[in-house]
Amino acid sequence: AALRTIRAINDEAFDILHLHEPIAPGPTMTALLLRLAPMIGTFHAAGDIAWYGRINKGVNWLANHLDVRVAVSPQAQELANRYLGGEYEILFNGIENELYARPNISRSAEKIVFFCGRYEPRKGLAELLEAFAKLSDDVKLWIASDGDGISLLKQKYAHDGRISWLGRITDEDKIDRLAQCSVFCAPSLHSESFGIVVLESMASGTPVVASSLEGYRNVGTHDVNAWLVEPGDIAELAEGLTRVLTDKKLAQKLSDGGLIRASELSMSRLAKIYVEMYYVVLEREHFSPDHHPKSRIVRLYSDRVLRKNPQV
């Protein structure tokens, strides 16, 4: 991956590089090390991230190669600042709203709760299953998830025919199911920097029940465009799901509010902000790698590496 990154940067001679998670080992860190163009770095991670904790002064200085640092939420800013220092602009994530319009798919007449995400204990699937067991018999649950631990949950709830275990699904299938389900549930327990899946549900017009985490509150406001509950509180989660499933006026209010919020966090709006940022950085830096001593050394080294590895 590092060699492919070196070749791409050499071949394309980019005017500016935009790196997501710039200090993550791999292509982004390679680009950061080369420093052959002005660079913007966007930080997404939040909470306790193992590889952040292993950052030392040998890597820390690389962050100083960034011309602008962006965080997708205050929580992502806090994590990056804790280990790297520096100043950050906060620009929330965005989605392509038009992808989530499904005019040819009707909302199901059945009561369906939808959960989608890779399996990790912090995602709260076990808590959702406990809460679901308290719901009425006419409610169904779709679980789109895979990973270690799912098999144990499937065995534990094998007797409940209301649960559909979908495994990993495609993005298209996810969007279709968002258009059909009654409510999307995001019951995470901690470490969410930004609720992109919550935003996707809002763009689909689907009412959301989610944990009241800071990352999710960056997107949703309780009783305005989402129904937020205490993380890990089984009874409160079951009550919240029941309210949204049975109160049509509440569900419609959350759906309408979610569509408004999704329009505020559109990818087109975010792209315009970033493009303006690119122009500001380019005008400010007047960057010329050919006159940058460190860059000339790195370019010479990378040329030699690529000559020895022409197949990359």
Foldseek 3Di string as FASTA:
>chain_A
DLLVLLVCCVVVVDQEEEAEPQLDPDNSVSCLQLLQHAYEYEFEWFDDDPVLVVDDPVSLCSVVSHPAYEYQAVRRVVSCCVRNNDDYHHHHAAAALVLLEDPPAAAAPFAEEEEADEDDVQQCPVLVVLLVVVADLRYAYEYAYDDPPVVVVCVVCVVNPRYDDDYHDDPNVVSNVLLHHQEYERQGQDTHQAPPVLLSSLSNLHEYEYAPYSRDVVQDDDLQQYPYDHRSPSNRSSVSSVCSSPPVVSRNRNSVSSNVSNVVRHPVVSVVVVVVVSVVSCVVCVDHLVPPVSSVVSSVVSVVVCVVVVVD
